Amino acid sequence: MAQEQNLTKNQSLVFEKLSAADGPMSAYDLLDELREQGLKAPLQIYRALEKLQEVDLVHRLESMNSFVACAQPHCHAKTGLVAFAICEKCGTVSEFSDDVVQSRLADWATERNFTPTKTSLEIRGLCQGCG
């Protein structure tokens, strides 16, 4: 992917760690995991995460204050909707998009003359394996 080629060393380290992770990671989890690679301060992690979010390689899970690598980079660029199903038992996070939900949210915004800048939906519950 072209965007990955333009990442700094710190951004690449953070992205690789999130891509290999079994679940979401907080900035401090990332810092603990990357200390040996030279990342020593939370600000280094937060700057890398900020850039990775800007280029749609990483998402922030608002309800968990943690981050995940994008499962399908740029799949949501055309719809603007990023949705996550979060298992409350095992912590699995599944990323998905839904044109019907996106359309309904767009209709709602239009009806109210509201201009969304970001749409993120988090559904919490039990995954198939835990349910």
C-alpha atoms as a PDB file:
ATOM      1  CA  MET A   1       0.000   0.000   0.000  1.00  0.00           C
ATOM      2  CA  ALA A   2       1.407   3.374  -1.002  1.00  0.00           C
ATOM      3  CA  GLN A   3       0.445   5.088   2.261  1.00  0.00           C
ATOM      4  CA  GLU A   4       2.454   2.577   4.294  1.00  0.00           C
ATOM      5  CA  GLN A   5       5.579   3.425   2.285  1.00  0.00           C
ATOM      6  CA  ASN A   6       5.408   7.069   3.425  1.00  0.00           C
ATOM      7  CA  LEU A   7       5.312   6.333   7.151  1.00  0.00           C
ATOM      8  CA  THR A   8       8.040   7.405   9.556  1.00  0.00           C
ATOM      9  CA  LYS A   9       9.893   4.806  11.616  1.00  0.00           C
ATOM     10  CA  ASN A  10       7.670   5.424  14.653  1.00  0.00           C
ATOM     11  CA  GLN A  11       4.481   5.324  12.595  1.00  0.00           C
ATOM     12  CA  SER A  12       5.584   2.062  10.977  1.00  0.00           C
ATOM     13  CA  LEU A  13       6.380   0.491  14.352  1.00  0.00           C
ATOM     14  CA  VAL A  14       2.988   1.480  15.781  1.00  0.00           C
ATOM     15  CA  PHE A  15       1.123   0.336  12.662  1.00  0.00           C
ATOM     16  CA  GLU A  16       2.934  -3.010  12.580  1.00  0.00           C
ATOM     17  CA  LYS A  17       2.230  -3.617  16.270  1.00  0.00           C
ATOM     18  CA  LEU A  18      -1.471  -2.819  15.861  1.00  0.00           C
ATOM     19  CA  SER A  19      -1.692  -4.942  12.698  1.00  0.00           C
ATOM     20  CA  ALA A  20      -0.257  -7.949  14.533  1.00  0.00           C
ATOM     21  CA  ALA A  21      -2.324  -7.455  17.701  1.00  0.00           C
ATOM     22  CA  ASP A  22      -5.116  -9.857  18.620  1.00  0.00           C
ATOM     23  CA  GLY A  23      -7.297  -6.985  19.798  1.00  0.00           C
ATOM     24  CA  PRO A  24      -7.381  -3.261  20.486  1.00  0.00           C
ATOM     25  CA  MET A  25      -4.422  -1.608  22.196  1.00  0.00           C
ATOM     26  CA  SER A  26      -4.215   1.579  24.216  1.00  0.00           C
ATOM     27  CA  ALA A  27      -1.457   4.096  23.604  1.00  0.00           C
ATOM     28  CA  TYR A  28       0.226   2.948  26.813  1.00  0.00           C
ATOM     29  CA  ASP A  29       0.002  -0.716  25.740  1.00  0.00           C
ATOM     30  CA  LEU A  30       1.763   0.306  22.540  1.00  0.00           C
ATOM     31  CA  LEU A  31       4.386   2.260  24.479  1.00  0.00           C
ATOM     32  CA  ASP A  32       5.109  -0.765  26.702  1.00  0.00           C
ATOM     33  CA  GLU A  33       5.434  -3.024  23.654  1.00  0.00           C
ATOM     34  CA  LEU A  34       7.654  -0.619  21.688  1.00  0.00           C
ATOM     35  CA  ARG A  35      10.104   0.638  24.331  1.00  0.00           C
ATOM     36  CA  GLU A  36      12.812  -1.724  23.134  1.00  0.00           C
ATOM     37  CA  GLN A  37      12.457  -0.327  19.598  1.00  0.00           C
ATOM     38  CA  GLY A  38      13.240   3.194  20.859  1.00  0.00           C
ATOM     39  CA  LEU A  39       9.833   4.679  21.620  1.00  0.00           C
ATOM     40  CA  LYS A  40      10.166   6.096  25.118  1.00  0.00           C
ATOM     41  CA  ALA A  41       7.477   8.772  25.516  1.00  0.00           C
ATOM     42  CA  PRO A  42       3.678   8.742  25.212  1.00  0.00           C
ATOM     43  CA  LEU A  43       3.880  11.745  22.881  1.00  0.00           C
ATOM     44  CA  GLN A  44       5.769   9.641  20.324  1.00  0.00           C
ATOM     45  CA  ILE A  45       2.933   7.096  20.326  1.00  0.00           C
ATOM     46  CA  TYR A  46       0.170   9.714  20.176  1.00  0.00           C
ATOM     47  CA  ARG A  47       1.824  11.531  17.261  1.00  0.00           C
ATOM     48  CA  ALA A  48       2.189   8.282  15.335  1.00  0.00           C
ATOM     49  CA  LEU A  49      -1.428   7.319  16.061  1.00  0.00           C
ATOM     50  CA  GLU A  50      -2.662  10.739  14.972  1.00  0.00           C
ATOM     51  CA  LYS A  51      -0.963  10.431  11.593  1.00  0.00           C
ATOM     52  CA  LEU A  52      -2.088   6.829  11.128  1.00  0.00           C
ATOM     53  CA  GLN A  53      -5.677   7.916  11.770  1.00  0.00           C
ATOM     54  CA  GLU A  54      -5.329  10.767   9.261  1.00  0.00           C
ATOM     55  CA  VAL A  55      -4.371   8.310   6.522  1.00  0.00           C
ATOM     56  CA  ASP A  56      -7.086   5.809   7.528  1.00  0.00           C
ATOM     57  CA  LEU A  57      -4.734   3.032   8.581  1.00  0.00           C
ATOM     58  CA  VAL A  58      -5.816   3.055  12.241  1.00  0.00           C
ATOM     59  CA  HIS A  59      -9.106   3.636  14.053  1.00  0.00           C
ATOM     60  CA  ARG A  60      -9.748   4.828  17.589  1.00  0.00           C
ATOM     61  CA  LEU A  61     -12.372   2.936  19.523  1.00  0.00           C
ATOM     62  CA  GLU A  62     -13.910   5.782  21.488  1.00  0.00           C
ATOM     63  CA  SER A  63     -15.654   3.644  24.115  1.00  0.00           C
ATOM     64  CA  MET A  64     -12.452   1.765  24.947  1.00  0.00           C
ATOM     65  CA  ASN A  65      -9.920   4.576  24.449  1.00  0.00           C
ATOM     66  CA  SER A  66      -7.897   2.175  22.343  1.00  0.00           C
ATOM     67  CA  PHE A  67      -6.818   1.662  18.743  1.00  0.00           C
ATOM     68  CA  VAL A  68      -7.044  -0.991  16.028  1.00  0.00           C
ATOM     69  CA  ALA A  69      -5.486  -1.282  12.594  1.00  0.00           C
ATOM     70  CA  CYS A  70      -7.998  -0.750   9.819  1.00  0.00           C
ATOM     71  CA  ALA A  71      -9.263  -4.151   8.690  1.00  0.00           C
ATOM     72  CA  GLN A  72      -9.971  -2.917   5.166  1.00  0.00           C
ATOM     73  CA  PRO A  73      -8.048   0.283   4.487  1.00  0.00           C
ATOM     74  CA  HIS A  74     -10.113   2.847   2.649  1.00  0.00           C
ATOM     75  CA  CYS A  75     -13.233   0.650   2.524  1.00  0.00           C
ATOM     76  CA  HIS A  76     -15.054   3.367   4.435  1.00  0.00           C
ATOM     77  CA  ALA A  77     -13.562   6.282   2.518  1.00  0.00           C
ATOM     78  CA  LYS A  78     -16.449   6.322   0.067  1.00  0.00           C
ATOM     79  CA  THR A  79     -19.193   5.871   2.684  1.00  0.00           C
ATOM     80  CA  GLY A  80     -17.670   7.770   5.578  1.00  0.00           C
ATOM     81  CA  LEU A  81     -19.024   5.228   8.061  1.00  0.00           C
ATOM     82  CA  VAL A  82     -16.763   3.149  10.245  1.00  0.00           C
ATOM     83  CA  ALA A  83     -18.559   0.609  12.421  1.00  0.00           C
ATOM     84  CA  PHE A  84     -17.255  -1.843  14.990  1.00  0.00           C
ATOM     85  CA  ALA A  85     -18.775  -4.839  16.754  1.00  0.00           C
ATOM     86  CA  ILE A  86     -16.967  -5.249  20.086  1.00  0.00           C
ATOM     87  CA  CYS A  87     -17.296  -8.467  22.087  1.00  0.00           C
ATOM     88  CA  GLU A  88     -17.567  -7.668  25.779  1.00  0.00           C
ATOM     89  CA  LYS A  89     -16.301 -11.113  26.775  1.00  0.00           C
ATOM     90  CA  CYS A  90     -13.279 -11.891  24.578  1.00  0.00           C
ATOM     91  CA  GLY A  91     -12.518  -8.374  23.310  1.00  0.00           C
ATOM     92  CA  THR A  92     -12.693  -9.263  19.615  1.00  0.00           C
ATOM     93  CA  VAL A  93     -13.332  -6.257  17.400  1.00  0.00           C
ATOM     94  CA  SER A  94     -14.864  -6.649  13.942  1.00  0.00           C
ATOM     95  CA  GLU A  95     -14.835  -3.687  11.589  1.00  0.00           C
ATOM     96  CA  PHE A  96     -17.607  -3.341   9.038  1.00  0.00           C
ATOM     97  CA  SER A  97     -19.503  -0.847   6.924  1.00  0.00           C
ATOM     98  CA  ASP A  98     -23.167  -0.798   6.009  1.00  0.00           C
ATOM     99  CA  ASP A  99     -24.598   1.234   3.147  1.00  0.00           C
ATOM    100  CA  VAL A 100     -28.132   1.174   4.592  1.00  0.00           C
ATOM    101  CA  VAL A 101     -27.004   2.569   7.948  1.00  0.00           C
ATOM    102  CA  GLN A 102     -24.817   5.149   6.215  1.00  0.00           C
ATOM    103  CA  SER A 103     -27.723   6.203   4.002  1.00  0.00           C
ATOM    104  CA  ARG A 104     -30.072   6.579   6.971  1.00  0.00           C
ATOM    105  CA  LEU A 105     -27.530   8.648   8.898  1.00  0.00           C
ATOM    106  CA  ALA A 106     -26.946  10.842   5.837  1.00  0.00           C
ATOM    107  CA  ASP A 107     -30.710  11.372   5.483  1.00  0.00           C
ATOM    108  CA  TRP A 108     -30.957  12.305   9.160  1.00  0.00           C
ATOM    109  CA  ALA A 109     -28.116  14.819   8.807  1.00  0.00           C
ATOM    110  CA  THR A 110     -29.631  16.332   5.652  1.00  0.00           C
ATOM    111  CA  GLU A 111     -33.044  16.698   7.288  1.00  0.00           C
ATOM    112  CA  ARG A 112     -31.448  18.628  10.152  1.00  0.00           C
ATOM    113  CA  ASN A 113     -28.986  20.610   8.051  1.00  0.00           C
ATOM    114  CA  PHE A 114     -26.185  18.928   9.983  1.00  0.00           C
ATOM    115  CA  THR A 115     -22.774  18.360   8.421  1.00  0.00           C
ATOM    116  CA  PRO A 116     -21.012  15.334   9.930  1.00  0.00           C
ATOM    117  CA  THR A 117     -17.224  15.321   9.893  1.00  0.00           C
ATOM    118  CA  LYS A 118     -16.766  11.791  11.207  1.00  0.00           C
ATOM    119  CA  THR A 119     -19.123   8.863  11.723  1.00  0.00           C
ATOM    120  CA  SER A 120     -18.109   6.019  13.991  1.00  0.00           C
ATOM    121  CA  LEU A 121     -20.493   3.406  15.309  1.00  0.00           C
ATOM    122  CA  GLU A 122     -19.644   0.954  18.078  1.00  0.00           C
ATOM    123  CA  ILE A 123     -21.887  -1.976  18.910  1.00  0.00           C
ATOM    124  CA  ARG A 124     -21.086  -3.845  22.110  1.00  0.00           C
ATOM    125  CA  GLY A 125     -22.271  -7.361  22.849  1.00  0.00           C
ATOM    126  CA  LEU A 126     -21.177 -10.964  22.473  1.00  0.00           C
ATOM    127  CA  CYS A 127     -19.538 -12.427  19.382  1.00  0.00           C
ATOM    128  CA  GLN A 128     -20.670 -15.714  17.876  1.00  0.00           C
ATOM    129  CA  GLY A 129     -17.995 -17.632  19.777  1.00  0.00           C
ATOM    130  CA  CYS A 130     -18.951 -16.163  23.153  1.00  0.00           C
ATOM    131  CA  GLY A 131     -22.739 -15.865  22.688  1.00  0.00           C
END
